[in-house]
Amino acid sequence: MNQLITHPNCSSVLPQAPRESDTSLFLSQARVYTKLGRATHTTHAMADGTGQMSTERTNVGVIGGGAWGTALAMHSAAMGHNTLIWAREPEVVASINDPAVKENTTYLQGYKAPDALRASGDIAEVVAHAEIMLMVIPTPFVEKTMAGIKDKLRPDQIIVSCTKGILNDTLETVNQILTRVVPEPLHEHLAYLSGPSFAAEVAQGMPTAVTIASKSDAVAARVQKLLSTPRFRCYRTTDVEGVELGGALKNVLALACGISDGLGFGCNGRAALITRGLSEMTRLAVALGAHPLTMGGLAGMGDLVLTCTGDLSRNRTVGIRLGKGEKLQDIIDSMKAVAEGVLTSRSAYQLAQKLNVECPIIAGIYRVIHENADARSVVSETMSRELRPEVDPELFEAAARQH
């Protein structure tokens, strides 16, 4: 049971359940840092695949100066990596580089960056610097950004996408965009980071666990080794499709939970949305080649629970405000950061239609967001559908085939 919860692809990566000592270490770290009330980073050794600690350091480049990109850059610099972050806004670059400020005052205000973290407005400089490049930009801008730097990429670099979404125009995931845009020799060097991880909590060094996915287990293990600390634990898998779709689809379901909360529908309704939403995520992911058990891991259930219940969730916040009667455009205009679920609600719905996968919650959110449907009426219609078994037989069959 522990294997299924802690790792979405444990049969190929973890031959045995995690040791009790691993869990004890993680929980003890949480107690210690909570007690001390620390809100700044310190340097930690990195865990390698054997469970030993490594002091290896490398050059890390971060493409994207939003809250999540900044938090990951802070984490990397705190580990001792030579870290350079690119931001398109001059004020972000200036505030991170100013010794008297040392924080992203635009997108992550109040969280001091390590002194060693540097920022640049020259994306070519960051690409040339990086051995490991973390790509943290909204999905609609991935293709244009990567096309602009593809000729500057080196065959030895590893590109880690930390972006969650599905492109509306083509219904492509970020992996599909990258494999179309970047040079073919780099396809085996693509990896994806996803899981329950609010930027503000990572910036504070609070205990966090994520999943690294790559078609190459060696690449996933390399990234896992370079980013893991006792407070930022990375698991790995080769199920790229599952990890990407979990990260993208949970944002749509967070909108649903937020709308439910805004309407005052209570905890029962939220729990039902999370559980049935997970079923929709799983059906859609399996239709696209993912392993169903991945949806029970950090990139699926973990991220779903966090985003649907956490007060720091932008997507849930948008949903709450919609449920209380605010106009979508007014909400969007008032936000600095992108709520990916608003964009993904269209592509997720279209993907379900294309694949003939029944996703009533996703369809309902599409209607509320894009057709101005009344949320209360959509909830009533969804709850009044034809009665059916809870678990789809197709998912049992899919799990058996991939066991």
Protein backbone atom coordinates (compact mmCIF):
# COMPACT_ATOMS: atom_id res chain seq x y z
CA MET A 1 0.00 0.00 0.00
CA ASN A 2 2.85 2.39 0.86
CA GLN A 3 4.32 1.83 -2.59
CA LEU A 4 1.16 2.99 -4.35
CA ILE A 5 0.82 6.11 -2.25
CA THR A 6 4.40 7.26 -2.23
CA HIS A 7 5.39 6.49 -5.80
CA PRO A 8 3.22 6.36 -8.91
CA ASN A 9 5.42 3.90 -10.79
CA CYS A 10 6.95 1.92 -7.95
CA SER A 11 7.09 -1.40 -9.82
CA SER A 12 9.84 -0.13 -12.11
CA VAL A 13 11.62 2.31 -9.80
CA LEU A 14 11.14 1.29 -6.16
CA PRO A 15 11.42 -2.49 -5.72
CA GLN A 16 10.38 -2.22 -2.09
CA ALA A 17 8.31 0.06 0.10
CA PRO A 18 10.03 3.15 1.53
CA ARG A 19 11.79 2.51 4.80
CA GLU A 20 10.11 3.69 7.97
CA SER A 21 13.26 5.68 8.71
CA ASP A 22 12.69 7.75 5.56
CA THR A 23 9.25 8.76 6.78
CA SER A 24 10.54 9.44 10.29
CA LEU A 25 13.29 11.68 8.94
CA PHE A 26 10.80 13.65 6.83
CA LEU A 27 8.38 14.13 9.73
CA SER A 28 11.15 15.01 12.19
CA GLN A 29 12.39 17.68 9.79
CA ALA A 30 8.87 19.10 9.62
CA ARG A 31 8.63 19.27 13.43
CA VAL A 32 12.05 20.85 13.80
CA TYR A 33 11.48 23.59 11.23
CA THR A 34 7.98 24.29 12.48
CA LYS A 35 9.31 24.68 16.02
CA LEU A 36 12.12 26.98 14.99
CA GLY A 37 9.85 29.01 12.71
CA ARG A 38 12.51 29.32 10.06
CA ALA A 39 11.52 31.22 6.93
CA THR A 40 14.88 31.32 5.16
CA HIS A 41 16.91 28.75 3.28
CA THR A 42 20.11 27.11 4.41
CA THR A 43 22.39 24.89 2.38
CA HIS A 44 21.62 21.15 2.44
CA ALA A 45 23.33 18.12 0.99
CA MET A 46 21.53 16.25 -1.79
CA ALA A 47 20.27 12.69 -1.62
CA ASP A 48 21.43 10.36 -4.37
CA GLY A 49 19.68 7.24 -5.60
CA THR A 50 21.29 5.06 -2.94
CA GLY A 51 19.98 7.11 -0.04
CA GLN A 52 23.44 8.57 0.62
CA MET A 53 24.01 12.32 0.74
CA SER A 54 25.94 14.02 -2.05
CA THR A 55 27.64 17.40 -2.12
CA GLU A 56 27.66 17.71 -5.92
CA ARG A 57 27.03 21.21 -7.25
CA THR A 58 26.15 22.26 -10.78
CA ASN A 59 24.97 25.22 -12.86
CA VAL A 60 21.19 25.65 -12.77
CA GLY A 61 19.27 28.04 -15.01
CA VAL A 62 15.65 28.96 -14.35
CA ILE A 63 13.54 30.30 -17.22
CA GLY A 64 10.68 32.31 -15.74
CA GLY A 65 10.61 34.84 -12.92
CA GLY A 66 7.13 34.25 -11.53
CA ALA A 67 6.42 32.98 -8.03
CA TRP A 68 7.08 29.30 -8.82
CA GLY A 69 10.21 29.95 -10.86
CA THR A 70 11.58 32.19 -8.11
CA ALA A 71 10.83 29.64 -5.39
CA LEU A 72 12.63 26.89 -7.33
CA ALA A 73 15.56 29.22 -8.00
CA MET A 74 15.76 30.02 -4.28
CA HIS A 75 15.71 26.32 -3.45
CA SER A 76 18.45 25.59 -5.98
CA ALA A 77 20.67 28.45 -4.82
CA ALA A 78 20.19 27.47 -1.18
CA MET A 79 21.48 23.99 -2.02
CA GLY A 80 24.70 25.54 -3.29
CA HIS A 81 24.04 25.26 -7.01
CA ASN A 82 25.31 28.15 -9.12
CA THR A 83 21.84 29.43 -9.99
CA LEU A 84 20.82 32.09 -12.51
CA ILE A 85 17.17 33.00 -13.14
CA TRP A 86 15.76 34.76 -16.21
CA ALA A 87 12.85 37.17 -15.86
CA ARG A 88 11.40 39.32 -18.60
CA GLU A 89 10.47 42.13 -16.19
CA PRO A 90 13.43 44.46 -15.42
CA GLU A 91 11.98 45.22 -11.99
CA VAL A 92 12.08 41.52 -11.06
CA VAL A 93 15.72 41.24 -12.13
CA ALA A 94 16.61 44.39 -10.22
CA SER A 95 14.88 43.40 -6.98
CA ILE A 96 16.48 39.94 -6.91
CA ASN A 97 19.96 41.31 -7.64
CA ASP A 98 19.78 44.27 -5.23
CA PRO A 99 21.70 43.24 -2.06
CA ALA A 100 19.43 45.47 0.00
CA VAL A 101 16.29 43.73 -1.29
CA LYS A 102 17.10 40.14 -2.46
CA GLU A 103 13.54 39.12 -3.20
CA ASN A 104 11.06 39.05 -6.06
CA THR A 105 8.96 42.00 -4.95
CA THR A 106 6.55 41.57 -7.88
CA TYR A 107 5.52 37.91 -7.62
CA LEU A 108 6.91 36.52 -4.35
CA GLN A 109 7.12 39.45 -1.99
CA GLY A 110 8.27 38.86 1.56
CA TYR A 111 10.55 35.88 0.91
CA LYS A 112 14.27 36.61 0.97
CA ALA A 113 16.39 34.89 -1.67
CA PRO A 114 19.81 33.43 -0.88
CA ASP A 115 22.61 35.91 -1.46
CA ALA A 116 24.06 33.64 -4.15
CA LEU A 117 20.97 33.77 -6.38
CA ARG A 118 21.45 35.98 -9.43
CA ALA A 119 18.91 37.20 -12.00
CA SER A 120 19.31 38.21 -15.63
CA GLY A 121 17.12 39.80 -18.27
CA ASP A 122 19.15 38.04 -20.99
CA ILE A 123 17.67 34.61 -21.64
CA ALA A 124 20.65 33.60 -23.79
CA GLU A 125 22.94 34.16 -20.80
CA VAL A 126 20.85 31.83 -18.65
CA VAL A 127 20.74 29.13 -21.35
CA ALA A 128 24.52 29.29 -21.82
CA HIS A 129 25.00 29.06 -18.05
CA ALA A 130 22.78 26.04 -17.38
CA GLU A 131 23.59 22.35 -17.16
CA ILE A 132 20.12 21.82 -15.72
CA MET A 133 17.48 24.23 -17.01
CA LEU A 134 14.17 24.59 -15.18
CA MET A 135 11.47 25.92 -17.51
CA VAL A 136 8.79 27.71 -15.48
CA ILE A 137 6.62 29.70 -17.89
CA PRO A 138 2.86 29.57 -18.62
CA THR A 139 1.83 26.94 -21.17
CA PRO A 140 0.72 29.40 -23.91
CA PHE A 141 4.24 30.88 -24.01
CA VAL A 142 6.25 27.64 -23.98
CA GLU A 143 6.50 27.23 -27.75
CA LYS A 144 7.52 30.81 -28.51
CA THR A 145 10.05 30.94 -25.69
CA MET A 146 11.67 27.60 -26.51
CA ALA A 147 11.69 28.28 -30.26
CA GLY A 148 13.62 31.46 -29.52
CA ILE A 149 16.39 29.62 -27.69
CA LYS A 150 16.45 26.20 -29.40
CA ASP A 151 19.55 27.07 -31.44
CA LYS A 152 21.37 27.96 -28.21
CA LEU A 153 20.64 24.64 -26.49
CA ARG A 154 23.42 22.08 -26.01
CA PRO A 155 23.03 18.30 -26.38
CA ASP A 156 24.32 17.73 -22.84
CA GLN A 157 21.70 19.94 -21.14
CA ILE A 158 18.70 18.63 -19.22
CA ILE A 159 15.47 20.61 -19.56
CA VAL A 160 13.01 20.26 -16.69
CA SER A 161 9.51 21.60 -17.36
CA CYS A 162 7.83 22.84 -14.20
CA THR A 163 4.77 24.08 -16.10
CA LYS A 164 1.27 22.61 -15.79
CA GLY A 165 -1.21 22.96 -18.62
CA ILE A 166 -2.59 21.84 -21.99
CA LEU A 167 -2.36 24.12 -25.01
CA ASN A 168 -5.80 25.27 -26.15
CA ASP A 169 -5.12 25.54 -29.88
CA THR A 170 -3.61 22.10 -30.44
CA LEU A 171 -4.55 20.21 -27.23
CA GLU A 172 -0.85 19.43 -26.75
CA THR A 173 0.80 18.83 -23.41
CA VAL A 174 4.07 20.60 -22.64
CA ASN A 175 5.97 17.39 -23.45
CA GLN A 176 4.38 17.27 -26.89
CA ILE A 177 5.24 20.93 -27.48
CA LEU A 178 8.84 20.47 -26.39
CA THR A 179 9.44 17.34 -28.46
CA ARG A 180 8.14 19.24 -31.47
CA VAL A 181 10.25 22.35 -30.86
CA VAL A 182 13.59 21.39 -29.31
CA PRO A 183 16.32 19.53 -31.25
CA GLU A 184 15.86 15.75 -31.35
CA PRO A 185 19.09 14.93 -29.46
CA LEU A 186 17.54 16.65 -26.43
CA HIS A 187 14.33 14.59 -26.43
CA GLU A 188 15.86 12.03 -24.08
CA HIS A 189 16.98 14.90 -21.82
CA LEU A 190 13.49 16.23 -21.13
CA ALA A 191 12.03 15.91 -17.64
CA TYR A 192 8.94 17.18 -15.83
CA LEU A 193 8.51 18.28 -12.22
CA SER A 194 5.04 18.20 -10.68
CA GLY A 195 3.32 17.62 -7.38
CA PRO A 196 1.75 19.45 -4.42
CA SER A 197 4.00 22.48 -4.07
CA PHE A 198 2.87 26.01 -3.27
CA ALA A 199 5.62 28.46 -4.19
CA ALA A 200 5.44 30.36 -0.91
CA GLU A 201 5.94 27.19 1.14
CA VAL A 202 8.90 26.06 -0.97
CA ALA A 203 10.38 29.55 -0.58
CA GLN A 204 10.10 29.15 3.20
CA GLY A 205 11.75 25.75 3.12
CA MET A 206 8.67 23.91 4.35
CA PRO A 207 8.62 20.11 3.79
CA THR A 208 7.53 19.34 0.22
CA ALA A 209 7.48 16.23 -1.97
CA VAL A 210 7.26 16.22 -5.78
CA THR A 211 7.61 13.81 -8.69
CA ILE A 212 10.21 14.00 -11.46
CA ALA A 213 9.12 12.30 -14.70
CA SER A 214 11.22 11.48 -17.73
CA LYS A 215 11.17 8.86 -20.47
CA SER A 216 14.77 8.24 -19.41
CA ASP A 217 15.02 6.92 -15.87
CA ALA A 218 18.67 8.00 -15.81
CA VAL A 219 17.65 11.60 -16.52
CA ALA A 220 14.90 11.48 -13.89
CA ALA A 221 17.38 10.08 -11.37
CA ARG A 222 19.88 12.82 -12.21
CA VAL A 223 17.33 15.58 -11.60
CA GLN A 224 16.06 13.80 -8.49
CA LYS A 225 19.58 13.71 -7.09
CA LEU A 226 20.33 17.36 -7.86
CA LEU A 227 17.12 18.80 -6.40
CA SER A 228 16.42 16.61 -3.36
CA THR A 229 17.00 17.75 0.22
CA PRO A 230 15.48 16.63 3.54
CA ARG A 231 12.88 19.37 3.02
CA PHE A 232 12.32 18.95 -0.73
CA ARG A 233 12.00 15.26 -1.50
CA CYS A 234 11.84 14.17 -5.13
CA TYR A 235 10.42 10.85 -6.33
CA ARG A 236 10.76 9.71 -9.92
CA THR A 237 8.82 7.89 -12.63
CA THR A 238 8.90 7.27 -16.37
CA ASP A 239 5.17 8.02 -16.74
CA VAL A 240 5.50 11.45 -18.33
CA GLU A 241 1.90 11.46 -19.60
CA GLY A 242 0.46 10.74 -16.17
CA VAL A 243 2.53 13.32 -14.35
CA GLU A 244 1.79 16.03 -16.91
CA LEU A 245 -1.94 15.38 -17.09
CA GLY A 246 -2.29 15.19 -13.32
CA GLY A 247 -0.66 18.59 -12.98
CA ALA A 248 -2.80 20.16 -15.69
CA LEU A 249 -6.21 18.67 -14.95
CA LYS A 250 -6.17 19.28 -11.20
CA ASN A 251 -6.31 23.03 -11.86
CA VAL A 252 -9.71 22.63 -13.55
CA LEU A 253 -11.03 20.63 -10.61
CA ALA A 254 -9.71 23.27 -8.19
CA LEU A 255 -11.96 25.76 -9.97
CA ALA A 256 -14.87 23.39 -9.34
CA CYS A 257 -14.05 23.07 -5.64
CA GLY A 258 -13.67 26.82 -5.34
CA ILE A 259 -17.04 27.42 -6.97
CA SER A 260 -18.61 24.88 -4.61
CA ASP A 261 -17.04 26.62 -1.61
CA GLY A 262 -18.13 30.02 -2.91
CA LEU A 263 -21.69 28.76 -3.23
CA GLY A 264 -21.53 27.50 0.36
CA PHE A 265 -22.02 23.83 -0.53
CA GLY A 266 -19.88 22.58 2.35
CA CYS A 267 -17.25 19.95 2.99
CA ASN A 268 -19.30 17.00 1.72
CA GLY A 269 -19.56 18.57 -1.70
CA ARG A 270 -15.87 19.42 -1.81
CA ALA A 271 -14.89 15.85 -0.91
CA ALA A 272 -17.20 14.49 -3.61
CA LEU A 273 -15.70 16.82 -6.21
CA ILE A 274 -12.15 15.83 -5.31
CA THR A 275 -12.92 12.12 -5.41
CA ARG A 276 -15.02 12.11 -8.56
CA GLY A 277 -12.63 14.62 -10.11
CA LEU A 278 -9.79 12.18 -9.55
CA SER A 279 -11.83 9.56 -11.41
CA GLU A 280 -12.19 11.93 -14.38
CA MET A 281 -8.47 12.75 -14.31
CA THR A 282 -7.66 9.05 -14.32
CA ARG A 283 -10.01 8.17 -17.19
CA LEU A 284 -8.63 10.96 -19.34
CA ALA A 285 -5.01 10.21 -18.47
CA VAL A 286 -5.39 6.49 -19.21
CA ALA A 287 -6.97 7.33 -22.58
CA LEU A 288 -3.76 9.22 -23.39
CA GLY A 289 -1.47 6.37 -22.37
CA ALA A 290 -0.80 7.12 -18.70
CA HIS A 291 -0.62 4.51 -15.94
CA PRO A 292 -3.74 4.73 -13.74
CA LEU A 293 -1.71 4.42 -10.53
CA THR A 294 0.14 7.64 -11.31
CA MET A 295 -3.08 9.50 -10.54
CA GLY A 296 -2.87 8.17 -6.98
CA GLY A 297 0.59 9.68 -6.51
CA LEU A 298 1.97 13.13 -5.80
CA ALA A 299 1.35 14.49 -9.31
CA GLY A 300 -2.25 13.29 -9.23
CA MET A 301 -4.03 12.96 -5.90
CA GLY A 302 -1.36 14.91 -4.01
CA ASP A 303 -1.55 17.99 -6.22
CA LEU A 304 -5.33 17.68 -6.53
CA VAL A 305 -5.91 17.71 -2.76
CA LEU A 306 -3.55 20.64 -2.23
CA THR A 307 -4.99 22.77 -5.02
CA CYS A 308 -8.61 22.02 -4.12
CA THR A 309 -8.23 22.78 -0.41
CA GLY A 310 -5.29 25.16 0.06
CA ASP A 311 -5.88 28.86 0.65
CA LEU A 312 -2.81 29.69 -1.49
CA SER A 313 -4.39 28.06 -4.58
CA ARG A 314 -4.99 30.64 -7.31
CA ASN A 315 -7.41 28.33 -9.14
CA ARG A 316 -9.48 27.65 -6.03
CA THR A 317 -9.52 31.40 -5.31
CA VAL A 318 -10.87 32.13 -8.79
CA GLY A 319 -13.56 29.49 -8.23
CA ILE A 320 -14.56 30.92 -4.85
CA ARG A 321 -14.94 34.39 -6.33
CA LEU A 322 -16.98 33.00 -9.23
CA GLY A 323 -19.21 31.14 -6.77
CA LYS A 324 -19.80 34.39 -4.91
CA GLY A 325 -20.99 36.07 -8.08
CA GLU A 326 -17.98 37.99 -9.40
CA LYS A 327 -17.38 38.23 -13.15
CA LEU A 328 -14.54 36.13 -14.54
CA GLN A 329 -12.87 38.99 -16.40
CA ASP A 330 -12.90 41.18 -13.28
CA ILE A 331 -11.23 38.38 -11.34
CA ILE A 332 -8.57 37.85 -14.01
CA ASP A 333 -7.86 41.58 -14.25
CA SER A 334 -7.27 41.75 -10.49
CA MET A 335 -4.66 38.95 -10.43
CA LYS A 336 -0.92 39.30 -11.04
CA ALA A 337 -0.34 35.61 -11.73
CA VAL A 338 -2.01 33.23 -14.18
CA ALA A 339 -4.67 30.79 -12.96
CA GLU A 340 -3.91 27.96 -15.38
CA GLY A 341 -7.23 26.24 -14.74
CA VAL A 342 -9.14 28.95 -16.59
CA LEU A 343 -7.20 28.21 -19.77
CA THR A 344 -7.02 24.46 -19.22
CA SER A 345 -10.77 24.15 -18.66
CA ARG A 346 -11.28 24.63 -22.40
CA SER A 347 -8.53 22.27 -23.56
CA ALA A 348 -9.46 19.60 -20.99
CA TYR A 349 -13.09 19.67 -22.13
CA GLN A 350 -12.10 19.52 -25.80
CA LEU A 351 -9.69 16.67 -25.10
CA ALA A 352 -12.41 14.68 -23.34
CA GLN A 353 -14.76 15.28 -26.27
CA LYS A 354 -12.10 14.25 -28.78
CA LEU A 355 -11.32 11.03 -26.91
CA ASN A 356 -14.98 10.31 -26.06
CA VAL A 357 -14.18 10.18 -22.34
CA GLU A 358 -17.02 11.06 -19.97
CA CYS A 359 -15.94 13.93 -17.68
CA PRO A 360 -19.07 15.62 -16.28
CA ILE A 361 -17.26 17.84 -13.77
CA ILE A 362 -14.80 19.11 -16.37
CA ALA A 363 -17.72 19.64 -18.77
CA GLY A 364 -19.60 21.57 -16.10
CA ILE A 365 -16.67 23.87 -15.40
CA TYR A 366 -16.28 24.48 -19.13
CA ARG A 367 -19.90 25.59 -19.28
CA VAL A 368 -19.55 27.91 -16.29
CA ILE A 369 -16.29 29.48 -17.48
CA HIS A 370 -16.84 29.66 -21.23
CA GLU A 371 -20.61 29.57 -21.72
CA ASN A 372 -21.63 31.63 -18.70
CA ALA A 373 -23.80 28.81 -17.37
CA ASP A 374 -25.32 29.16 -13.91
CA ALA A 375 -23.12 27.25 -11.46
CA ARG A 376 -25.99 26.12 -9.22
CA SER A 377 -27.85 24.70 -12.19
CA VAL A 378 -24.74 22.89 -13.42
CA VAL A 379 -24.25 21.29 -10.00
CA SER A 380 -27.89 20.17 -9.92
CA GLU A 381 -27.67 18.67 -13.40
CA THR A 382 -24.43 16.84 -12.57
CA MET A 383 -25.89 15.37 -9.39
CA SER A 384 -29.05 14.26 -11.25
CA ARG A 385 -27.32 12.20 -13.94
CA GLU A 386 -28.11 8.51 -14.47
CA LEU A 387 -26.94 6.35 -11.56
CA ARG A 388 -23.92 4.13 -12.23
CA PRO A 389 -21.15 2.07 -10.54
CA GLU A 390 -18.48 4.08 -8.75
CA VAL A 391 -15.39 2.57 -10.40
CA ASP A 392 -15.13 2.10 -14.16
CA PRO A 393 -14.28 -1.48 -15.21
CA GLU A 394 -11.98 0.02 -17.86
CA LEU A 395 -9.65 1.33 -15.14
CA PHE A 396 -9.32 -2.11 -13.57
CA GLU A 397 -8.45 -3.50 -16.99
CA ALA A 398 -5.93 -0.73 -17.66
CA ALA A 399 -4.21 -1.33 -14.32
CA ALA A 400 -4.07 -5.08 -14.98
CA ARG A 401 -2.54 -4.57 -18.44
CA GLN A 402 0.22 -2.35 -17.09
CA HIS A 403 0.97 -4.30 -13.93
